[in-house]
Amino acid sequence: MGKFLVKHTKSGIKFDLKAANGETIATSEVYTSEAACMNGVESVRKNSAIANIEDQTVEGFEAQTHPKFEMYQDKAGEYRFRLKARNGEIIAVSEGYKAKASCLNGIDSVRRNAPEAQIVKEEA
């Protein structure tokens, strides 16, 4: 089972969604408060289960309504995704993947892990 690892940074607090094998699946923005970070965790739990995938790597892609996973290629040509909430805010982003299939696996992993993931607070 996955987990949300909540940790303090120099500028605030953020979370990483980790798979059972310890790999980071998705990362949040840096929040100014723990309460805001916890709201972000709940938003990922809620939205990941119902979000469609908008594949921006294909020409003439079909735009999806929020919430959604946006899959795109970065400047280095790697595949990435970002999960957007109903209000269009980005609530989690992925690492870069060399292959599109790996990026899709990452999205699937968020869907499988986020709803039941426990919250673990890393001590500063």
N, C-alpha and C. Protein backbone atom coordinates (compact mmCIF):
# COMPACT_ATOMS: atom_id res chain seq x y z
N MET A 1 0.84 -1.18 0.00
CA MET A 1 0.00 0.00 0.00
C MET A 1 0.89 1.25 0.00
N GLY A 2 0.45 2.26 -0.70
CA GLY A 2 1.22 3.49 -0.78
C GLY A 2 1.06 4.35 0.45
N LYS A 3 1.79 5.45 0.45
CA LYS A 3 1.67 6.40 1.57
C LYS A 3 1.95 7.81 1.09
N PHE A 4 1.35 8.76 1.79
CA PHE A 4 1.65 10.16 1.59
C PHE A 4 2.70 10.52 2.63
N LEU A 5 3.88 10.90 2.19
CA LEU A 5 4.94 11.31 3.10
C LEU A 5 4.91 12.84 3.16
N VAL A 6 4.53 13.36 4.32
CA VAL A 6 4.41 14.80 4.52
C VAL A 6 5.70 15.28 5.18
N LYS A 7 6.34 16.28 4.57
CA LYS A 7 7.61 16.75 5.13
C LYS A 7 7.78 18.25 5.01
N HIS A 8 8.53 18.78 5.96
CA HIS A 8 8.82 20.21 5.97
C HIS A 8 10.01 20.50 5.07
N THR A 9 9.94 21.64 4.37
CA THR A 9 11.05 22.12 3.55
C THR A 9 11.46 23.48 4.11
N LYS A 10 12.46 24.08 3.50
CA LYS A 10 12.90 25.41 3.95
C LYS A 10 11.80 26.44 3.81
N SER A 11 10.92 26.25 2.82
CA SER A 11 9.91 27.28 2.55
C SER A 11 8.48 26.87 2.91
N GLY A 12 8.28 25.69 3.52
CA GLY A 12 6.92 25.29 3.88
C GLY A 12 6.81 23.80 4.11
N ILE A 13 5.71 23.22 3.65
CA ILE A 13 5.44 21.80 3.85
C ILE A 13 4.86 21.21 2.56
N LYS A 14 5.25 19.99 2.23
CA LYS A 14 4.80 19.34 0.99
C LYS A 14 4.58 17.87 1.24
N PHE A 15 4.03 17.18 0.24
CA PHE A 15 3.89 15.73 0.34
C PHE A 15 4.39 15.06 -0.92
N ASP A 16 4.85 13.82 -0.74
CA ASP A 16 5.17 12.93 -1.84
C ASP A 16 4.24 11.72 -1.69
N LEU A 17 3.64 11.30 -2.78
CA LEU A 17 2.89 10.05 -2.78
C LEU A 17 3.87 8.96 -3.17
N LYS A 18 4.06 8.00 -2.27
CA LYS A 18 5.02 6.91 -2.49
C LYS A 18 4.27 5.61 -2.75
N ALA A 19 4.78 4.81 -3.68
CA ALA A 19 4.23 3.48 -3.92
C ALA A 19 4.73 2.54 -2.83
N ALA A 20 4.18 1.34 -2.78
CA ALA A 20 4.57 0.35 -1.77
C ALA A 20 6.06 0.05 -1.83
N ASN A 21 6.67 0.16 -3.01
CA ASN A 21 8.10 -0.12 -3.15
C ASN A 21 8.99 1.08 -2.79
N GLY A 22 8.37 2.17 -2.32
CA GLY A 22 9.13 3.34 -1.91
C GLY A 22 9.38 4.37 -3.00
N GLU A 23 9.02 4.03 -4.23
CA GLU A 23 9.20 4.97 -5.33
C GLU A 23 8.23 6.14 -5.20
N THR A 24 8.71 7.35 -5.50
CA THR A 24 7.83 8.52 -5.50
C THR A 24 7.01 8.51 -6.79
N ILE A 25 5.70 8.57 -6.63
CA ILE A 25 4.79 8.57 -7.79
C ILE A 25 4.43 9.99 -8.19
N ALA A 26 4.18 10.83 -7.17
CA ALA A 26 3.76 12.21 -7.42
C ALA A 26 4.16 13.08 -6.25
N THR A 27 4.33 14.37 -6.53
CA THR A 27 4.78 15.34 -5.54
C THR A 27 3.86 16.55 -5.58
N SER A 28 3.68 17.16 -4.42
CA SER A 28 2.83 18.36 -4.34
C SER A 28 3.67 19.62 -4.47
N GLU A 29 2.96 20.74 -4.52
CA GLU A 29 3.60 22.03 -4.38
C GLU A 29 4.02 22.19 -2.91
N VAL A 30 4.70 23.27 -2.61
CA VAL A 30 5.04 23.57 -1.22
C VAL A 30 3.93 24.45 -0.66
N TYR A 31 3.32 23.99 0.44
CA TYR A 31 2.23 24.71 1.09
C TYR A 31 2.79 25.53 2.25
N THR A 32 2.05 26.55 2.65
CA THR A 32 2.49 27.41 3.75
C THR A 32 2.09 26.86 5.10
N SER A 33 1.11 25.93 5.14
CA SER A 33 0.68 25.37 6.42
C SER A 33 0.41 23.88 6.28
N GLU A 34 0.46 23.19 7.41
CA GLU A 34 0.17 21.76 7.40
C GLU A 34 -1.29 21.51 7.01
N ALA A 35 -2.19 22.38 7.47
CA ALA A 35 -3.61 22.23 7.13
C ALA A 35 -3.81 22.29 5.62
N ALA A 36 -3.15 23.22 4.97
CA ALA A 36 -3.27 23.35 3.51
C ALA A 36 -2.70 22.11 2.82
N CYS A 37 -1.61 21.59 3.34
CA CYS A 37 -1.00 20.37 2.80
C CYS A 37 -1.96 19.19 2.93
N MET A 38 -2.60 19.06 4.08
CA MET A 38 -3.57 17.97 4.31
C MET A 38 -4.76 18.10 3.36
N ASN A 39 -5.18 19.34 3.08
CA ASN A 39 -6.23 19.55 2.09
C ASN A 39 -5.78 19.07 0.72
N GLY A 40 -4.50 19.30 0.40
CA GLY A 40 -3.94 18.82 -0.86
C GLY A 40 -3.96 17.30 -0.95
N VAL A 41 -3.61 16.63 0.14
CA VAL A 41 -3.65 15.17 0.19
C VAL A 41 -5.07 14.68 -0.09
N GLU A 42 -6.04 15.27 0.60
CA GLU A 42 -7.44 14.86 0.41
C GLU A 42 -7.91 15.13 -1.01
N SER A 43 -7.45 16.22 -1.59
CA SER A 43 -7.82 16.55 -2.96
C SER A 43 -7.26 15.51 -3.94
N VAL A 44 -6.03 15.06 -3.72
CA VAL A 44 -5.45 14.02 -4.57
C VAL A 44 -6.24 12.72 -4.41
N ARG A 45 -6.56 12.37 -3.17
CA ARG A 45 -7.35 11.14 -2.93
C ARG A 45 -8.67 11.18 -3.71
N LYS A 46 -9.37 12.30 -3.58
CA LYS A 46 -10.70 12.44 -4.16
C LYS A 46 -10.65 12.52 -5.69
N ASN A 47 -9.75 13.35 -6.19
CA ASN A 47 -9.74 13.64 -7.63
C ASN A 47 -9.06 12.57 -8.47
N SER A 48 -8.07 11.87 -7.93
CA SER A 48 -7.35 10.88 -8.73
C SER A 48 -8.25 9.74 -9.17
N ALA A 49 -9.23 9.41 -8.35
CA ALA A 49 -10.12 8.29 -8.66
C ALA A 49 -11.08 8.60 -9.81
N ILE A 50 -11.39 9.86 -10.02
CA ILE A 50 -12.40 10.22 -11.03
C ILE A 50 -11.84 11.00 -12.22
N ALA A 51 -10.55 11.32 -12.17
CA ALA A 51 -9.95 12.14 -13.23
C ALA A 51 -9.73 11.35 -14.51
N ASN A 52 -10.07 11.97 -15.63
CA ASN A 52 -9.74 11.41 -16.94
C ASN A 52 -8.33 11.80 -17.32
N ILE A 53 -7.82 11.18 -18.37
CA ILE A 53 -6.47 11.51 -18.86
C ILE A 53 -6.60 12.37 -20.11
N GLU A 54 -5.94 13.51 -20.09
CA GLU A 54 -5.85 14.38 -21.26
C GLU A 54 -4.44 14.20 -21.83
N ASP A 55 -4.34 13.50 -22.95
CA ASP A 55 -3.04 13.18 -23.54
C ASP A 55 -2.61 14.31 -24.46
N GLN A 56 -1.80 15.22 -23.91
CA GLN A 56 -1.36 16.38 -24.68
C GLN A 56 -0.17 16.07 -25.59
N THR A 57 0.22 14.79 -25.64
CA THR A 57 1.35 14.40 -26.49
C THR A 57 0.90 14.07 -27.91
N VAL A 58 -0.41 14.02 -28.13
CA VAL A 58 -0.92 13.73 -29.46
C VAL A 58 -1.52 14.99 -30.06
N GLU A 59 -1.33 15.13 -31.37
CA GLU A 59 -1.85 16.31 -32.05
C GLU A 59 -3.37 16.27 -32.04
N GLY A 60 -3.99 17.40 -31.80
CA GLY A 60 -5.44 17.49 -31.80
C GLY A 60 -6.08 16.72 -30.65
N PHE A 61 -5.39 16.67 -29.50
CA PHE A 61 -5.92 15.93 -28.35
C PHE A 61 -7.27 16.48 -27.91
N GLU A 62 -8.06 15.60 -27.31
CA GLU A 62 -9.38 15.99 -26.82
C GLU A 62 -9.25 16.55 -25.41
N ALA A 63 -9.65 17.79 -25.23
CA ALA A 63 -9.58 18.43 -23.92
C ALA A 63 -10.57 17.76 -22.98
N GLN A 64 -10.14 17.51 -21.76
CA GLN A 64 -10.99 16.90 -20.73
C GLN A 64 -11.40 17.97 -19.71
N THR A 65 -12.49 17.73 -19.03
CA THR A 65 -12.90 18.65 -17.97
C THR A 65 -12.15 18.30 -16.69
N HIS A 66 -12.08 19.25 -15.78
CA HIS A 66 -11.43 19.02 -14.48
C HIS A 66 -12.35 18.19 -13.60
N PRO A 67 -11.86 17.33 -12.76
CA PRO A 67 -10.45 17.03 -12.53
C PRO A 67 -9.89 16.18 -13.67
N LYS A 68 -8.57 16.27 -13.87
CA LYS A 68 -7.96 15.50 -14.94
C LYS A 68 -6.47 15.33 -14.70
N PHE A 69 -5.94 14.27 -15.32
CA PHE A 69 -4.49 14.10 -15.42
C PHE A 69 -4.10 14.66 -16.77
N GLU A 70 -3.17 15.60 -16.79
CA GLU A 70 -2.63 16.10 -18.05
C GLU A 70 -1.29 15.41 -18.28
N MET A 71 -1.20 14.67 -19.38
CA MET A 71 0.06 14.03 -19.73
C MET A 71 0.70 14.85 -20.86
N TYR A 72 1.97 15.17 -20.69
CA TYR A 72 2.65 16.04 -21.65
C TYR A 72 4.13 15.67 -21.73
N GLN A 73 4.81 16.24 -22.71
CA GLN A 73 6.26 16.07 -22.82
C GLN A 73 6.94 17.36 -22.43
N ASP A 74 8.01 17.23 -21.62
CA ASP A 74 8.75 18.42 -21.20
C ASP A 74 9.80 18.78 -22.24
N LYS A 75 10.58 19.81 -21.97
CA LYS A 75 11.58 20.29 -22.94
C LYS A 75 12.64 19.25 -23.26
N ALA A 76 12.88 18.34 -22.31
CA ALA A 76 13.88 17.27 -22.51
C ALA A 76 13.28 16.07 -23.25
N GLY A 77 11.99 16.14 -23.58
CA GLY A 77 11.34 15.05 -24.29
C GLY A 77 10.82 13.95 -23.39
N GLU A 78 10.87 14.18 -22.07
CA GLU A 78 10.36 13.17 -21.15
C GLU A 78 8.85 13.37 -20.94
N TYR A 79 8.19 12.27 -20.63
CA TYR A 79 6.75 12.30 -20.38
C TYR A 79 6.50 12.59 -18.90
N ARG A 80 5.54 13.44 -18.64
CA ARG A 80 5.19 13.82 -17.27
C ARG A 80 3.67 13.93 -17.19
N PHE A 81 3.16 13.89 -15.95
CA PHE A 81 1.74 14.18 -15.75
C PHE A 81 1.58 15.14 -14.59
N ARG A 82 0.48 15.86 -14.63
CA ARG A 82 0.07 16.69 -13.50
C ARG A 82 -1.41 16.41 -13.27
N LEU A 83 -1.77 16.32 -12.01
CA LEU A 83 -3.16 16.10 -11.63
C LEU A 83 -3.76 17.45 -11.27
N LYS A 84 -4.85 17.78 -11.93
CA LYS A 84 -5.53 19.05 -11.66
C LYS A 84 -6.87 18.77 -11.00
N ALA A 85 -7.19 19.58 -9.99
CA ALA A 85 -8.46 19.46 -9.26
C ALA A 85 -9.59 20.07 -10.08
N ARG A 86 -10.79 19.97 -9.54
CA ARG A 86 -11.98 20.53 -10.21
C ARG A 86 -11.83 22.00 -10.54
N ASN A 87 -11.11 22.74 -9.68
CA ASN A 87 -10.95 24.19 -9.89
C ASN A 87 -9.79 24.52 -10.84
N GLY A 88 -9.12 23.50 -11.39
CA GLY A 88 -8.04 23.73 -12.33
C GLY A 88 -6.68 23.87 -11.69
N GLU A 89 -6.62 23.85 -10.35
CA GLU A 89 -5.33 23.95 -9.64
C GLU A 89 -4.55 22.65 -9.78
N ILE A 90 -3.24 22.77 -9.96
CA ILE A 90 -2.38 21.59 -10.00
C ILE A 90 -2.19 21.11 -8.56
N ILE A 91 -2.51 19.83 -8.30
CA ILE A 91 -2.40 19.31 -6.94
C ILE A 91 -1.30 18.27 -6.79
N ALA A 92 -0.79 17.75 -7.91
CA ALA A 92 0.33 16.81 -7.84
C ALA A 92 0.98 16.72 -9.21
N VAL A 93 2.29 16.51 -9.22
CA VAL A 93 3.04 16.37 -10.47
C VAL A 93 3.93 15.14 -10.38
N SER A 94 4.31 14.63 -11.54
CA SER A 94 5.15 13.44 -11.59
C SER A 94 6.59 13.80 -11.89
N GLU A 95 7.42 12.78 -11.82
CA GLU A 95 8.79 12.87 -12.31
C GLU A 95 8.73 12.73 -13.83
N GLY A 96 9.88 12.82 -14.48
CA GLY A 96 9.94 12.60 -15.92
C GLY A 96 10.12 11.12 -16.22
N TYR A 97 9.43 10.64 -17.25
CA TYR A 97 9.54 9.25 -17.70
C TYR A 97 10.07 9.24 -19.12
N LYS A 98 10.92 8.27 -19.43
CA LYS A 98 11.47 8.15 -20.79
C LYS A 98 10.40 7.65 -21.77
N ALA A 99 9.50 6.78 -21.29
CA ALA A 99 8.50 6.17 -22.15
C ALA A 99 7.09 6.61 -21.75
N LYS A 100 6.24 6.77 -22.75
CA LYS A 100 4.85 7.15 -22.52
C LYS A 100 4.14 6.09 -21.67
N ALA A 101 4.41 4.82 -21.94
CA ALA A 101 3.78 3.73 -21.19
C ALA A 101 4.12 3.83 -19.71
N SER A 102 5.34 4.23 -19.40
CA SER A 102 5.75 4.38 -17.99
C SER A 102 4.97 5.51 -17.33
N CYS A 103 4.74 6.58 -18.05
CA CYS A 103 3.96 7.71 -17.53
C CYS A 103 2.52 7.26 -17.25
N LEU A 104 1.94 6.49 -18.17
CA LEU A 104 0.59 5.98 -17.96
C LEU A 104 0.55 5.05 -16.76
N ASN A 105 1.60 4.26 -16.56
CA ASN A 105 1.70 3.40 -15.38
C ASN A 105 1.74 4.25 -14.11
N GLY A 106 2.43 5.40 -14.17
CA GLY A 106 2.49 6.32 -13.03
C GLY A 106 1.10 6.85 -12.67
N ILE A 107 0.34 7.22 -13.68
CA ILE A 107 -1.04 7.70 -13.45
C ILE A 107 -1.86 6.59 -12.81
N ASP A 108 -1.74 5.38 -13.36
CA ASP A 108 -2.47 4.24 -12.81
C ASP A 108 -2.07 3.98 -11.36
N SER A 109 -0.80 4.15 -11.06
CA SER A 109 -0.31 3.95 -9.70
C SER A 109 -0.89 4.98 -8.74
N VAL A 110 -1.03 6.22 -9.17
CA VAL A 110 -1.67 7.25 -8.34
C VAL A 110 -3.10 6.82 -8.05
N ARG A 111 -3.80 6.39 -9.09
CA ARG A 111 -5.20 5.98 -8.92
C ARG A 111 -5.33 4.81 -7.93
N ARG A 112 -4.40 3.87 -8.00
CA ARG A 112 -4.45 2.69 -7.12
C ARG A 112 -4.02 3.02 -5.69
N ASN A 113 -3.01 3.86 -5.54
CA ASN A 113 -2.41 4.09 -4.22
C ASN A 113 -3.04 5.24 -3.43
N ALA A 114 -3.42 6.31 -4.08
CA ALA A 114 -3.85 7.51 -3.35
C ALA A 114 -5.07 7.32 -2.45
N PRO A 115 -6.14 6.65 -2.93
CA PRO A 115 -7.36 6.60 -2.10
C PRO A 115 -7.16 5.99 -0.71
N GLU A 116 -6.31 4.98 -0.59
CA GLU A 116 -6.14 4.27 0.69
C GLU A 116 -4.80 4.56 1.37
N ALA A 117 -3.99 5.41 0.76
CA ALA A 117 -2.64 5.65 1.29
C ALA A 117 -2.69 6.28 2.68
N GLN A 118 -1.85 5.76 3.55
CA GLN A 118 -1.77 6.35 4.89
C GLN A 118 -0.93 7.62 4.82
N ILE A 119 -1.11 8.48 5.80
CA ILE A 119 -0.33 9.71 5.88
C ILE A 119 0.76 9.52 6.92
N VAL A 120 2.00 9.74 6.50
CA VAL A 120 3.15 9.61 7.39
C VAL A 120 3.84 10.96 7.44
N LYS A 121 3.99 11.50 8.63
CA LYS A 121 4.65 12.79 8.79
C LYS A 121 6.12 12.55 9.12
N GLU A 122 6.98 13.10 8.27
CA GLU A 122 8.42 12.98 8.48
C GLU A 122 8.83 13.99 9.53
N GLU A 123 9.54 13.53 10.52
CA GLU A 123 9.99 14.44 11.58
C GLU A 123 11.11 15.32 11.05
N ALA A 124 11.04 16.59 11.40
CA ALA A 124 12.04 17.56 10.91
C ALA A 124 13.37 17.37 11.63
